[in-house]
C-alpha atoms as a PDB file:
ATOM      1  CA  MET A   1      34.092   1.829 -12.688  1.00  0.00           C
ATOM      2  CA  VAL A   2      34.601   4.626 -14.539  1.00  0.00           C
ATOM      3  CA  PRO A   3      32.525   3.245 -17.811  1.00  0.00           C
ATOM      4  CA  LYS A   4      30.079   1.818 -15.380  1.00  0.00           C
ATOM      5  CA  LEU A   5      29.313   5.452 -13.890  1.00  0.00           C
ATOM      6  CA  THR A   6      29.633   6.885 -17.370  1.00  0.00           C
ATOM      7  CA  LYS A   7      27.250   4.533 -19.400  1.00  0.00           C
ATOM      8  CA  GLY A   8      24.639   5.162 -16.034  1.00  0.00           C
ATOM      9  CA  PHE A   9      24.967   8.925 -16.202  1.00  0.00           C
ATOM     10  CA  MET A  10      24.582   8.406 -20.069  1.00  0.00           C
ATOM     11  CA  SER A  11      21.179   6.446 -19.269  1.00  0.00           C
ATOM     12  CA  ASN A  12      19.608   9.051 -17.202  1.00  0.00           C
ATOM     13  CA  LYS A  13      20.481  11.829 -19.238  1.00  0.00           C
ATOM     14  CA  LYS A  14      18.541   9.889 -21.851  1.00  0.00           C
ATOM     15  CA  LEU A  15      15.903   9.361 -19.587  1.00  0.00           C
ATOM     16  CA  LEU A  16      15.868  12.971 -18.611  1.00  0.00           C
ATOM     17  CA  ASP A  17      15.703  13.975 -22.580  1.00  0.00           C
ATOM     18  CA  ARG A  18      12.948  12.047 -23.052  1.00  0.00           C
ATOM     19  CA  VAL A  19      10.647  13.517 -20.424  1.00  0.00           C
ATOM     20  CA  LYS A  20      11.893  16.810 -21.370  1.00  0.00           C
ATOM     21  CA  SER A  21      10.895  16.177 -25.330  1.00  0.00           C
ATOM     22  CA  PRO A  22       6.846  15.856 -25.307  1.00  0.00           C
ATOM     23  CA  ASN A  23       6.163  13.316 -27.703  1.00  0.00           C
ATOM     24  CA  ASN A  24       2.618  14.982 -29.798  1.00  0.00           C
ATOM     25  CA  MET A  25       1.513  11.652 -30.639  1.00  0.00           C
ATOM     26  CA  TYR A  26       0.210  10.886 -27.341  1.00  0.00           C
ATOM     27  CA  SER A  27      -1.898  14.465 -27.056  1.00  0.00           C
ATOM     28  CA  TYR A  28      -4.366  13.028 -24.879  1.00  0.00           C
ATOM     29  CA  CYS A  29      -5.632  10.830 -21.706  1.00  0.00           C
ATOM     30  CA  ARG A  30      -6.836   7.334 -22.120  1.00  0.00           C
ATOM     31  CA  VAL A  31      -9.629   7.851 -19.247  1.00  0.00           C
ATOM     32  CA  ILE A  32     -12.816   9.537 -20.987  1.00  0.00           C
ATOM     33  CA  GLY A  33     -14.156  13.214 -20.054  1.00  0.00           C
ATOM     34  CA  CYS A  34     -10.236  13.462 -18.779  1.00  0.00           C
ATOM     35  CA  PRO A  35      -8.823  16.854 -20.861  1.00  0.00           C
ATOM     36  CA  HIS A  36      -5.430  16.263 -20.469  1.00  0.00           C
ATOM     37  CA  SER A  37      -2.423  15.191 -22.174  1.00  0.00           C
ATOM     38  CA  ALA A  38      -1.324  11.622 -21.750  1.00  0.00           C
ATOM     39  CA  SER A  39       2.411  12.150 -19.847  1.00  0.00           C
ATOM     40  CA  ALA A  40       4.431  11.449 -22.764  1.00  0.00           C
ATOM     41  CA  GLY A  41       2.838  14.073 -24.716  1.00  0.00           C
ATOM     42  CA  THR A  42       3.747  16.358 -21.776  1.00  0.00           C
ATOM     43  CA  THR A  43       6.983  17.505 -19.676  1.00  0.00           C
ATOM     44  CA  GLU A  44       5.609  15.467 -16.745  1.00  0.00           C
ATOM     45  CA  GLY A  45       6.201  12.014 -18.103  1.00  0.00           C
ATOM     46  CA  LEU A  46       6.424   8.670 -20.001  1.00  0.00           C
ATOM     47  CA  ASN A  47       3.296   7.026 -19.865  1.00  0.00           C
ATOM     48  CA  HIS A  48       1.964   6.340 -23.237  1.00  0.00           C
ATOM     49  CA  LEU A  49      -1.834   5.975 -22.337  1.00  0.00           C
ATOM     50  CA  TYR A  50      -2.650   8.227 -19.051  1.00  0.00           C
ATOM     51  CA  CYS A  51      -1.896  11.640 -17.688  1.00  0.00           C
ATOM     52  CA  ARG A  52       0.186  12.751 -14.740  1.00  0.00           C
ATOM     53  CA  LYS A  53      -3.227  13.497 -12.490  1.00  0.00           C
ATOM     54  CA  HIS A  54      -4.251   9.852 -12.902  1.00  0.00           C
ATOM     55  CA  GLU A  55      -0.852   8.118 -12.899  1.00  0.00           C
ATOM     56  CA  ASP A  56      -0.623   9.327  -9.515  1.00  0.00           C
ATOM     57  CA  HIS A  57      -4.353   8.300  -8.629  1.00  0.00           C
ATOM     58  CA  TYR A  58      -2.977   4.644  -9.710  1.00  0.00           C
ATOM     59  CA  GLU A  59       0.158   5.192  -7.429  1.00  0.00           C
ATOM     60  CA  ARG A  60      -2.406   5.999  -4.615  1.00  0.00           C
ATOM     61  CA  HIS A  61      -5.631   3.510  -5.340  1.00  0.00           C
ATOM     62  CA  GLY A  62      -4.243   0.734  -7.518  1.00  0.00           C
ATOM     63  CA  SER A  63      -6.634   2.252 -10.454  1.00  0.00           C
ATOM     64  CA  TYR A  64      -6.635   4.476 -12.985  1.00  0.00           C
ATOM     65  CA  THR A  65      -9.902   5.190 -12.094  1.00  0.00           C
ATOM     66  CA  LYS A  66     -11.508   3.538  -9.059  1.00  0.00           C
ATOM     67  CA  ARG A  67     -10.842   5.223  -5.735  1.00  0.00           C
ATOM     68  CA  SER A  68     -10.235   3.419  -3.007  1.00  0.00           C
ATOM     69  CA  TYR A  69     -13.273   2.007  -0.440  1.00  0.00           C
ATOM     70  CA  THR A  70     -13.948   4.343   2.566  1.00  0.00           C
ATOM     71  CA  ALA A  71     -14.147   3.252   5.747  1.00  0.00           C
ATOM     72  CA  SER A  72     -17.880   3.262   5.862  1.00  0.00           C
ATOM     73  CA  GLU A  73     -17.814   0.613   2.925  1.00  0.00           C
ATOM     74  CA  ILE A  74     -15.077  -1.566   4.125  1.00  0.00           C
ATOM     75  CA  ASN A  75     -15.885  -1.650   7.722  1.00  0.00           C
ATOM     76  CA  PRO A  76     -18.996  -3.789   7.352  1.00  0.00           C
ATOM     77  CA  TYR A  77     -17.055  -6.064   5.512  1.00  0.00           C
ATOM     78  CA  ARG A  78     -14.040  -6.138   8.409  1.00  0.00           C
ATOM     79  CA  LYS A  79     -16.318  -6.910  11.195  1.00  0.00           C
ATOM     80  CA  ILE A  80     -17.351  -9.928   8.871  1.00  0.00           C
ATOM     81  CA  ALA A  81     -14.068 -11.198   7.846  1.00  0.00           C
ATOM     82  CA  LEU A  82     -13.365 -11.342  11.492  1.00  0.00           C
ATOM     83  CA  GLY A  83     -15.643 -12.866  12.948  1.00  0.00           C
ATOM     84  CA  TRP A  84     -15.637 -15.752  10.692  1.00  0.00           C
ATOM     85  CA  LEU A  85     -12.100 -15.646  11.231  1.00  0.00           C
ATOM     86  CA  LYS A  86     -12.694 -16.001  15.538  1.00  0.00           C
ATOM     87  CA  ALA A  87     -15.023 -18.449  15.065  1.00  0.00           C
ATOM     88  CA  ASN A  88     -13.090 -20.538  12.537  1.00  0.00           C
ATOM     89  CA  LYS A  89      -9.697 -19.965  14.593  1.00  0.00           C
ATOM     90  CA  ASP A  90      -9.233 -23.798  14.751  1.00  0.00           C
ATOM     91  CA  ASP A  91      -9.708 -24.616  10.965  1.00  0.00           C
ATOM     92  CA  ILE A  92      -6.306 -25.633   9.586  1.00  0.00           C
ATOM     93  CA  THR A  93      -6.970 -22.774   6.535  1.00  0.00           C
ATOM     94  CA  VAL A  94      -6.852 -20.219   9.518  1.00  0.00           C
ATOM     95  CA  LYS A  95      -3.932 -21.452  11.281  1.00  0.00           C
ATOM     96  CA  LEU A  96      -2.019 -21.577   8.665  1.00  0.00           C
ATOM     97  CA  ALA A  97      -2.703 -17.462   7.656  1.00  0.00           C
ATOM     98  CA  ILE A  98      -1.931 -16.714  11.128  1.00  0.00           C
ATOM     99  CA  LYS A  99       1.429 -18.417  10.798  1.00  0.00           C
ATOM    100  CA  GLY A 100       1.894 -16.431   7.402  1.00  0.00           C
ATOM    101  CA  ILE A 101       1.188 -13.538   8.971  1.00  0.00           C
ATOM    102  CA  GLU A 102       3.380 -13.963  12.100  1.00  0.00           C
ATOM    103  CA  ARG A 103       6.415 -15.117   9.545  1.00  0.00           C
ATOM    104  CA  LEU A 104       6.066 -11.651   8.093  1.00  0.00           C
ATOM    105  CA  TYR A 105       6.639 -10.307  11.314  1.00  0.00           C
ATOM    106  CA  ARG A 106       9.483 -12.470  12.360  1.00  0.00           C
ATOM    107  CA  ASN A 107      10.938 -11.876   8.945  1.00  0.00           C
ATOM    108  CA  ALA A 108      10.762  -7.690   8.897  1.00  0.00           C
ATOM    109  CA  GLY A 109      13.985  -7.235  10.779  1.00  0.00           C
ATOM    110  CA  ALA A 110      14.581  -4.427  13.261  1.00  0.00           C
ATOM    111  CA  HIS A 111      11.568  -1.857  13.853  1.00  0.00           C
ATOM    112  CA  ILE A 112      12.510   1.311  11.752  1.00  0.00           C
ATOM    113  CA  GLU A 113      10.961   4.748  12.832  1.00  0.00           C
ATOM    114  CA  ALA A 114       8.320   6.328  10.287  1.00  0.00           C
ATOM    115  CA  PHE A 115      10.659   9.156   9.940  1.00  0.00           C
ATOM    116  CA  ARG A 116      13.914   7.383   8.919  1.00  0.00           C
ATOM    117  CA  LEU A 117      12.576   5.577   6.257  1.00  0.00           C
ATOM    118  CA  ARG A 118      13.756   8.327   3.548  1.00  0.00           C
ATOM    119  CA  GLY A 119      16.339   6.607   0.928  1.00  0.00           C
ATOM    120  CA  LEU A 120      14.519   2.654   1.673  1.00  0.00           C
ATOM    121  CA  SER A 121      13.709   0.652  -1.554  1.00  0.00           C
ATOM    122  CA  PRO A 122      10.028  -0.063  -1.614  1.00  0.00           C
ATOM    123  CA  LYS A 123      10.868  -3.912  -0.836  1.00  0.00           C
ATOM    124  CA  GLU A 124      12.538  -2.378   2.593  1.00  0.00           C
ATOM    125  CA  ARG A 125       9.699  -0.150   3.514  1.00  0.00           C
ATOM    126  CA  ALA A 126       7.083  -2.825   3.090  1.00  0.00           C
ATOM    127  CA  LYS A 127       9.440  -5.306   5.450  1.00  0.00           C
ATOM    128  CA  ALA A 128       9.517  -1.761   7.691  1.00  0.00           C
ATOM    129  CA  ALA A 129       5.522  -1.810   7.355  1.00  0.00           C
ATOM    130  CA  TRP A 130       5.730  -5.346   9.296  1.00  0.00           C
ATOM    131  CA  ALA A 131       7.915  -4.610  11.272  1.00  0.00           C
ATOM    132  CA  ARG A 132       5.846  -1.688  12.636  1.00  0.00           C
ATOM    133  CA  LEU A 133       2.474  -3.732  13.109  1.00  0.00           C
ATOM    134  CA  ARG A 134       4.557  -6.243  15.212  1.00  0.00           C
ATOM    135  CA  GLU A 135       6.259  -3.584  17.407  1.00  0.00           C
ATOM    136  CA  ALA A 136       2.227  -2.389  18.162  1.00  0.00           C
ATOM    137  CA  LYS A 137       1.851  -5.861  19.206  1.00  0.00           C
ATOM    138  CA  VAL A 138      -1.385  -5.820  15.939  1.00  0.00           C
ATOM    139  CA  ASP A 139      -3.228  -9.380  16.115  1.00  0.00           C
ATOM    140  CA  PRO A 140      -1.760 -11.264  12.626  1.00  0.00           C
ATOM    141  CA  ILE A 141      -5.855 -11.993  12.496  1.00  0.00           C
ATOM    142  CA  SER A 142      -6.269  -8.423  11.697  1.00  0.00           C
ATOM    143  CA  PRO A 143      -4.038  -8.462   8.454  1.00  0.00           C
ATOM    144  CA  LEU A 144      -6.102 -11.701   7.269  1.00  0.00           C
ATOM    145  CA  ALA A 145      -9.846  -9.626   7.829  1.00  0.00           C
ATOM    146  CA  ALA A 146      -8.501  -6.642   6.318  1.00  0.00           C
ATOM    147  CA  MET A 147      -7.509  -8.861   3.262  1.00  0.00           C
ATOM    148  CA  LEU A 148     -10.867 -11.423   3.254  1.00  0.00           C
ATOM    149  CA  ALA A 149     -12.835  -7.323   3.458  1.00  0.00           C
ATOM    150  CA  VAL A 150     -11.441  -6.811  -0.003  1.00  0.00           C
ATOM    151  CA  GLU A 151     -12.355  -9.585  -1.294  1.00  0.00           C
ATOM    152  CA  LEU A 152     -16.109  -9.214  -0.147  1.00  0.00           C
ATOM    153  CA  VAL A 153     -16.123  -5.656  -0.877  1.00  0.00           C
ATOM    154  CA  ILE A 154     -15.042  -6.415  -4.321  1.00  0.00           C
ATOM    155  CA  PHE A 155     -17.449  -9.285  -4.563  1.00  0.00           C
ATOM    156  CA  ASN A 156     -20.362  -6.903  -3.611  1.00  0.00           C
ATOM    157  CA  ASP A 157     -19.519  -3.799  -5.407  1.00  0.00           C
ATOM    158  CA  PRO A 158     -21.812  -2.870  -8.283  1.00  0.00           C
ATOM    159  CA  GLN A 159     -19.151  -1.380 -10.508  1.00  0.00           C
ATOM    160  CA  PRO A 160     -15.886  -3.111  -9.199  1.00  0.00           C
ATOM    161  CA  GLU A 161     -12.454  -2.628  -9.982  1.00  0.00           C
ATOM    162  CA  ARG A 162     -11.580  -6.410 -10.848  1.00  0.00           C
ATOM    163  CA  LYS A 163      -7.920  -6.200 -11.619  1.00  0.00           C
ATOM    164  CA  GLN A 164      -6.106  -8.332  -9.149  1.00  0.00           C
ATOM    165  CA  HIS A 165      -3.009  -4.768  -8.578  1.00  0.00           C
ATOM    166  CA  PHE A 166      -6.377  -2.814  -7.609  1.00  0.00           C
ATOM    167  CA  LYS A 167      -7.062  -5.922  -5.084  1.00  0.00           C
ATOM    168  CA  LEU A 168      -3.404  -5.640  -3.915  1.00  0.00           C
ATOM    169  CA  VAL A 169      -3.030  -2.110  -3.145  1.00  0.00           C
ATOM    170  CA  GLN A 170      -6.253  -2.009  -1.464  1.00  0.00           C
ATOM    171  CA  GLY A 171      -5.598  -4.880   0.883  1.00  0.00           C
ATOM    172  CA  ALA A 172      -2.060  -3.086   1.299  1.00  0.00           C
ATOM    173  CA  LYS A 173      -3.495  -0.160   2.383  1.00  0.00           C
ATOM    174  CA  LEU A 174      -5.591  -1.444   5.148  1.00  0.00           C
ATOM    175  CA  VAL A 175      -2.626  -2.832   6.612  1.00  0.00           C
ATOM    176  CA  HIS A 176      -0.668  -0.203   6.216  1.00  0.00           C
ATOM    177  CA  ARG A 177      -2.947   2.010   8.272  1.00  0.00           C
ATOM    178  CA  MET A 178      -3.045  -0.807  11.190  1.00  0.00           C
ATOM    179  CA  ALA A 179      -0.097   0.578  12.936  1.00  0.00           C
ATOM    180  CA  SER A 180       1.440   3.679  10.023  1.00  0.00           C
ATOM    181  CA  GLY A 181       3.054   6.356  11.944  1.00  0.00           C
ATOM    182  CA  SER A 182       5.544   7.057  14.922  1.00  0.00           C
ATOM    183  CA  HIS A 183       4.865   9.790  17.478  1.00  0.00           C
ATOM    184  CA  LYS A 184       7.612  11.537  19.757  1.00  0.00           C
ATOM    185  CA  ARG A 185       7.214  13.309  22.544  1.00  0.00           C
ATOM    186  CA  TRP A 186       9.399  15.524  25.100  1.00  0.00           C
ATOM    187  CA  GLU A 187       9.222  17.713  27.739  1.00  0.00           C
ATOM    188  CA  ARG A 188      11.274  20.063  29.320  1.00  0.00           C
ATOM    189  CA  GLU A 189      10.771  22.725  32.186  1.00  0.00           C
ATOM    190  CA  THR A 190      11.264  26.027  31.459  1.00  0.00           C
ATOM    191  CA  ASN A 191      13.265  28.937  33.037  1.00  0.00           C
ATOM    192  CA  ASN A 192       9.608  30.120  34.709  1.00  0.00           C
ATOM    193  CA  GLY A 193       8.994  26.294  35.715  1.00  0.00           C
ATOM    194  CA  LYS A 194       6.421  25.569  32.962  1.00  0.00           C
ATOM    195  CA  VAL A 195       6.731  22.140  31.023  1.00  0.00           C
ATOM    196  CA  GLU A 196       6.641  23.388  27.552  1.00  0.00           C
ATOM    197  CA  VAL A 197       5.437  19.863  25.350  1.00  0.00           C
ATOM    198  CA  THR A 198       6.856  19.299  21.734  1.00  0.00           C
ATOM    199  CA  GLU A 199       5.590  16.435  19.325  1.00  0.00           C
ATOM    200  CA  MET A 200       6.334  15.192  16.483  1.00  0.00           C
ATOM    201  CA  HIS A 201       4.366  12.352  13.903  1.00  0.00           C
ATOM    202  CA  LYS A 202       5.061  11.270  10.741  1.00  0.00           C
ATOM    203  CA  TYR A 203       3.152   9.120   9.123  1.00  0.00           C
ATOM    204  CA  PRO A 204       4.936   7.030   5.971  1.00  0.00           C
ATOM    205  CA  ARG A 205       3.364   7.719   2.349  1.00  0.00           C
ATOM    206  CA  SER A 206       0.623   5.280   1.496  1.00  0.00           C
ATOM    207  CA  ARG A 207       1.291   4.984  -2.152  1.00  0.00           C
ATOM    208  CA  GLY A 208       3.353   3.160  -5.004  1.00  0.00           C
ATOM    209  CA  ARG A 209       5.591   0.230  -4.925  1.00  0.00           C
ATOM    210  CA  VAL A 210       5.861  -0.170  -1.034  1.00  0.00           C
ATOM    211  CA  LEU A 211       2.152  -0.759  -1.438  1.00  0.00           C
ATOM    212  CA  VAL A 212       2.452  -3.761  -4.000  1.00  0.00           C
ATOM    213  CA  HIS A 213       4.901  -5.562  -2.325  1.00  0.00           C
ATOM    214  CA  ILE A 214       2.631  -5.370   0.971  1.00  0.00           C
ATOM    215  CA  GLY A 215      -0.456  -6.886  -0.724  1.00  0.00           C
ATOM    216  CA  GLN A 216       1.792  -9.745  -2.410  1.00  0.00           C
ATOM    217  CA  GLN A 217       2.858 -10.585   0.839  1.00  0.00           C
ATOM    218  CA  LEU A 218      -0.333 -10.364   2.214  1.00  0.00           C
ATOM    219  CA  GLU A 219      -2.060 -12.042  -0.305  1.00  0.00           C
ATOM    220  CA  LYS A 220       0.109 -14.519  -0.265  1.00  0.00           C
ATOM    221  CA  ALA A 221      -0.170 -15.539   3.473  1.00  0.00           C
ATOM    222  CA  SER A 222      -4.133 -15.094   3.670  1.00  0.00           C
ATOM    223  CA  GLU A 223      -4.664 -16.924  -0.099  1.00  0.00           C
ATOM    224  CA  LEU A 224      -6.164 -20.300   1.702  1.00  0.00           C
ATOM    225  CA  VAL A 225      -8.201 -17.906   4.121  1.00  0.00           C
ATOM    226  CA  VAL A 226      -9.930 -16.239   1.051  1.00  0.00           C
ATOM    227  CA  ALA A 227     -10.280 -19.800  -0.653  1.00  0.00           C
ATOM    228  CA  SER A 228     -11.672 -21.185   1.994  1.00  0.00           C
ATOM    229  CA  TYR A 229     -14.570 -18.319   2.919  1.00  0.00           C
ATOM    230  CA  THR A 230     -15.389 -17.998  -0.416  1.00  0.00           C
ATOM    231  CA  HIS A 231     -16.259 -21.672  -1.020  1.00  0.00           C
ATOM    232  CA  GLU A 232     -17.956 -21.521   1.932  1.00  0.00           C
ATOM    233  CA  ASN A 233     -20.088 -18.550   1.355  1.00  0.00           C
ATOM    234  CA  MET A 234     -19.774 -17.477  -2.019  1.00  0.00           C
ATOM    235  CA  LEU A 235     -20.225 -20.028  -4.062  1.00  0.00           C
END
């Protein structure tokens, strides 16, 4: 046990030393017009291509440069997707996709409150997100509509981000918002007879590897539906 601990400690120390020793070879971010250095050229990271600001953008949006779609941009496509799914609910591809989402609900494990997620791995947080949807009784069609809407908005975007990672993150962010928070409310009577209310609202962070896990699971469940809609309406 001791050699393994020592090896891990030395590995972490080397990583910290690399972060704290900026490399002047990486003196600028690859995003055109960005005045910052790539994080490997600073004491803020090891990325050889992008600065800390654009790394953070990638973590939150799935792209170093393109932002997430706003509600006003994607909601019209969600309505189209939801309408098509409901109109074709007896189609075998839609039935299989719904079963895929229901399987994610069943396999998500116990419901975990948002304020108890600290310390969990991204994969465990992704399962917790599906468990929150199950707990909130979110219709399995809704996540499917979200993923189909992402396909539609990217298809109709005059300046789209075509990378798969962006699509996965955008779909995951929509799912994450469907039942993202935990809310607690307590009431107690004070000495003067008044009722004092205490509330707590906690929302898990919508960024990082957890979005990739959710997006991959969502894509696998919805791939037949997306292919069917694309063949019927976009070819």
